[in-house]
Protein backbone atom coordinates (compact mmCIF):
# COMPACT_ATOMS: atom_id res chain seq x y z
CA MET A 1 90.97 95.63 120.14
CA ASP A 2 88.72 94.27 117.35
CA GLY A 3 85.82 96.20 118.82
CA ALA A 4 87.64 99.45 118.14
CA ARG A 5 87.82 98.78 114.39
CA LEU A 6 85.41 100.21 111.88
CA PRO A 7 83.12 97.59 110.25
CA VAL A 8 84.72 98.18 106.84
CA GLU A 9 88.19 97.82 108.36
CA ALA A 10 87.24 94.58 110.11
CA TRP A 11 85.84 93.21 106.84
CA PHE A 12 89.00 94.24 104.98
CA TRP A 13 91.36 92.44 107.38
CA GLU A 14 89.18 89.33 107.66
CA THR A 15 89.28 88.80 103.88
CA PRO A 16 92.04 86.36 102.75
CA VAL A 17 95.10 88.26 101.62
CA CYS A 18 95.01 87.49 97.86
CA THR A 19 91.28 88.19 97.58
CA ARG A 20 91.73 91.30 99.72
CA TRP A 21 94.27 92.98 97.44
CA TRP A 22 92.71 91.70 94.21
CA THR A 23 89.41 93.31 95.22
CA THR A 24 91.19 96.51 96.21
CA ALA A 25 93.06 96.68 92.89
CA THR A 26 89.82 96.09 90.97
CA LEU A 27 88.09 98.95 92.75
CA LEU A 28 90.99 101.30 92.09
CA ALA A 29 91.29 100.33 88.42
CA SER A 30 87.57 100.72 87.72
CA ALA A 31 87.83 104.52 87.70
CA LEU A 32 90.50 107.09 86.95
CA TYR A 33 91.47 107.59 90.58
CA TRP A 34 95.11 107.39 89.54
CA ARG A 35 94.80 110.84 87.96
CA LEU A 36 94.44 112.28 91.46
CA VAL A 37 97.89 110.90 92.28
CA THR A 38 99.67 111.62 89.01
CA SER A 39 98.78 115.31 89.28
CA PHE A 40 101.33 115.41 92.13
CA LEU A 41 104.04 113.74 90.06
CA TYR A 42 104.20 116.17 87.13
CA PHE A 43 106.47 119.20 87.49
CA GLY A 44 106.50 120.29 83.86
CA PRO A 45 108.81 119.51 80.92
CA PHE A 46 112.48 118.79 81.48
CA SER A 47 114.18 122.03 82.46
CA ILE A 48 116.22 123.72 85.18
CA ASN A 49 112.92 124.47 86.91
CA LEU A 50 112.06 120.75 86.97
CA LEU A 51 115.44 119.82 88.48
CA PHE A 52 115.09 122.64 90.99
CA HIS A 53 111.72 121.39 92.27
CA ILE A 54 112.77 117.74 92.34
CA TYR A 55 115.81 118.68 94.42
CA PHE A 56 113.71 120.57 96.97
CA LEU A 57 111.07 117.84 97.08
CA GLN A 58 113.62 115.09 97.69
CA ARG A 59 115.75 117.05 100.15
CA TYR A 60 113.10 118.51 102.41
CA SER A 61 110.73 115.57 102.24
CA ARG A 62 113.59 113.34 103.37
CA LEU A 63 114.68 115.72 106.13
CA LEU A 64 111.12 116.08 107.37
CA GLU A 65 110.49 112.34 107.39
CA GLU A 66 113.81 111.51 109.08
CA SER A 67 113.48 114.21 111.72
CA SER A 68 109.94 113.24 112.67
CA GLY A 69 111.20 110.23 114.61
CA ARG A 70 107.80 108.63 114.26
CA SER A 71 106.36 105.72 112.31
CA PRO A 72 105.67 105.93 108.55
CA ALA A 73 102.00 106.30 109.43
CA HIS A 74 102.56 109.89 110.58
CA PHE A 75 104.49 111.12 107.55
CA SER A 76 102.16 109.34 105.13
CA TRP A 77 99.21 110.94 106.94
CA LEU A 78 100.86 114.34 106.43
CA LEU A 79 101.17 113.58 102.70
CA LEU A 80 97.53 112.48 102.53
CA TYR A 81 96.40 115.63 104.36
CA ALA A 82 98.42 117.86 102.02
CA MET A 83 97.24 116.08 98.87
CA VAL A 84 93.56 116.13 99.82
CA SER A 85 93.79 119.79 100.85
CA LEU A 86 95.45 120.71 97.56
CA ILE A 87 92.84 118.82 95.53
CA VAL A 88 90.07 120.68 97.37
CA MET A 89 91.71 124.10 96.96
CA SER A 90 93.07 123.71 93.42
CA PRO A 91 89.82 124.75 91.64
CA LEU A 92 90.00 128.10 93.45
CA VAL A 93 93.29 129.00 91.76
CA SER A 94 92.98 126.88 88.59
CA LEU A 95 95.96 124.59 89.19
CA PRO A 96 95.77 121.35 87.18
CA PHE A 97 99.13 120.04 88.44
CA LEU A 98 99.87 119.94 92.15
CA GLY A 99 103.48 118.80 92.45
CA HIS A 100 104.80 122.32 93.05
CA PRO A 101 102.39 123.22 95.88
CA LEU A 102 102.95 119.82 97.54
CA SER A 103 106.69 120.49 97.51
CA SER A 104 106.06 123.98 98.93
CA THR A 105 103.93 122.49 101.71
CA LEU A 106 106.72 120.16 102.83
CA VAL A 107 109.37 122.90 102.57
CA TYR A 108 107.25 125.23 104.72
CA ILE A 109 106.61 122.63 107.43
CA TRP A 110 110.29 121.70 107.60
CA SER A 111 111.32 125.36 107.76
CA ARG A 112 109.02 126.07 110.71
CA LYS A 113 110.23 122.99 112.58
CA ASN A 114 113.88 124.07 112.20
CA PRO A 115 113.82 127.79 113.04
CA ASP A 116 117.52 128.05 113.94
CA THR A 117 118.95 126.32 110.87
CA GLN A 118 121.14 128.58 108.73
CA LEU A 119 120.66 128.32 104.96
CA SER A 120 122.33 129.82 101.91
CA PHE A 121 120.54 130.43 98.62
CA LEU A 122 122.67 130.42 95.46
CA GLY A 123 125.66 131.29 97.64
CA VAL A 124 124.41 134.87 97.95
CA LEU A 125 121.64 135.06 100.55
CA VAL A 126 122.16 133.71 104.07
CA PHE A 127 119.08 133.39 106.27
CA THR A 128 117.37 131.14 108.81
CA ALA A 129 115.05 128.33 107.72
CA PRO A 130 111.68 130.08 108.34
CA TYR A 131 112.50 132.55 105.55
CA LEU A 132 113.09 129.79 102.98
CA PRO A 133 109.53 129.65 101.56
CA TRP A 134 109.50 133.41 101.07
CA VAL A 135 112.91 133.41 99.41
CA LEU A 136 111.68 130.74 97.00
CA MET A 137 108.54 132.76 96.27
CA GLY A 138 110.65 135.82 95.50
CA PHE A 139 112.86 133.76 93.22
CA SER A 140 109.80 132.39 91.36
CA LEU A 141 108.39 135.90 91.00
CA ILE A 142 111.65 137.13 89.46
CA MET A 143 112.01 134.11 87.17
CA HIS A 144 108.43 133.91 85.90
CA GLY A 145 107.11 137.43 86.41
CA ASN A 146 103.85 136.40 88.07
CA ILE A 147 102.59 135.69 91.57
CA PRO A 148 103.45 132.07 92.55
CA LYS A 149 99.92 130.96 93.47
CA ASP A 150 101.02 127.35 93.78
CA GLU A 151 103.66 128.16 96.40
CA ILE A 152 101.30 130.44 98.32
CA MET A 153 98.72 127.65 98.47
CA GLY A 154 101.40 125.24 99.69
CA VAL A 155 102.41 127.66 102.45
CA VAL A 156 98.79 128.07 103.60
CA ILE A 157 98.24 124.31 103.82
CA GLY A 158 101.62 123.79 105.46
CA HIS A 159 100.88 126.45 108.08
CA VAL A 160 97.60 124.79 109.03
CA TRP A 161 99.48 121.53 109.63
CA TYR A 162 102.25 123.26 111.56
CA PHE A 163 99.77 125.14 113.74
CA PHE A 164 97.76 122.08 114.73
CA THR A 165 100.81 119.86 115.35
CA ASP A 166 103.25 122.30 117.02
CA VAL A 167 101.35 125.36 118.28
CA TYR A 168 97.90 124.05 119.19
CA PRO A 169 98.78 120.98 121.37
CA PRO A 170 100.66 122.83 124.16
CA LEU A 171 97.73 125.24 124.49
CA HIS A 172 95.06 122.52 124.63
CA ASN A 173 96.35 119.82 126.97
CA GLY A 174 98.30 117.98 124.30
CA SER A 175 95.36 117.54 121.93
CA ARG A 176 96.63 116.78 118.39
CA PRO A 177 93.65 116.92 116.01
CA LEU A 178 95.71 116.19 112.88
CA ASP A 179 97.40 113.04 114.18
CA PRO A 180 96.54 109.92 112.15
CA PRO A 181 93.58 107.90 113.42
CA GLY A 182 94.05 104.43 114.79
CA TRP A 183 92.90 102.62 111.66
CA TRP A 184 95.51 104.48 109.57
CA ARG A 185 98.33 103.63 112.01
CA ARG A 186 97.31 99.97 111.91
CA LEU A 187 97.74 99.93 108.11
CA PHE A 188 101.46 100.65 108.59
CA GLU A 189 102.20 99.23 112.02
CA GLY A 190 100.05 96.12 111.70
CA ARG A 191 97.61 94.69 114.15
CA PRO A 192 98.97 94.21 117.66
CA ALA A 193 99.92 90.61 118.24
CA ARG A 194 97.66 88.79 120.63
CA PRO A 195 99.43 86.89 123.39
CA SER A 196 99.42 83.15 122.79
CA THR A 197 97.97 80.69 125.30
CA ASP A 198 101.48 79.81 126.46
CA ASP A 199 102.26 83.50 127.01
CA VAL A 200 99.09 83.97 129.02
CA ASP A 201 99.86 80.90 131.14
CA GLU A 202 103.39 82.16 131.74
CA MET A 203 102.05 85.55 132.84
CA ILE A 204 99.63 83.87 135.24
CA HIS A 205 102.35 81.63 136.71
CA ALA A 206 104.68 84.61 137.04
CA GLY A 207 101.97 86.50 138.91
CA VAL A 208 101.42 83.55 141.23
CA ARG A 209 105.17 83.25 141.90
CA ASP A 210 105.45 86.97 142.63
CA ALA A 211 102.52 86.80 145.00
CA ALA A 212 104.06 83.82 146.80
CA VAL A 213 107.41 85.51 147.44
CA PRO A 214 107.35 87.14 150.89
CA GLU A 215 108.23 90.80 150.95
CA ALA A 216 111.68 91.44 152.39
CA ARG A 217 111.72 93.85 155.32
């Protein structure tokens, strides 16, 4: 299993734990990398709009994570994919803060994975989940009077994820190009425990016993 690790990953895990995380923290604190993360945490000044976006972020992020039925590695990889994609695309539409499009990405993915779910918006509109992103866009257009570029960008990034995780695999022998790589899964799931010497001996003895038992006819 060690042979499958990247050299940097092997070095990281071989470093004693305190030194490992101290070095990591030093590298992160030496530059303003934290600004890349905080751009996803700002939704504007306190207002109804802020509460609205926080509600949708919490609700649909939770539903998406709980319904995935997979390890935290998969949902965290989705977040990383969305955040990196938004950082790359944000200069094209001049968006300094990326909390809104990240929320829109998660809402879109959840809506496509739950096509039969009935929703109600403000107690007036009743529709199925796939229409939710478009209803929210229409609401933003009415409230602010301009095209919601942030939500459109979130939908585009969300659709790419949905396509390669739900549409593409059945057409290409189960290939899932956006699944997290092995090194990312090991960060959350840990390294597989190696069988101890006693376990190996027990397995050998069990194999010998099974081989010695005559087959009943």
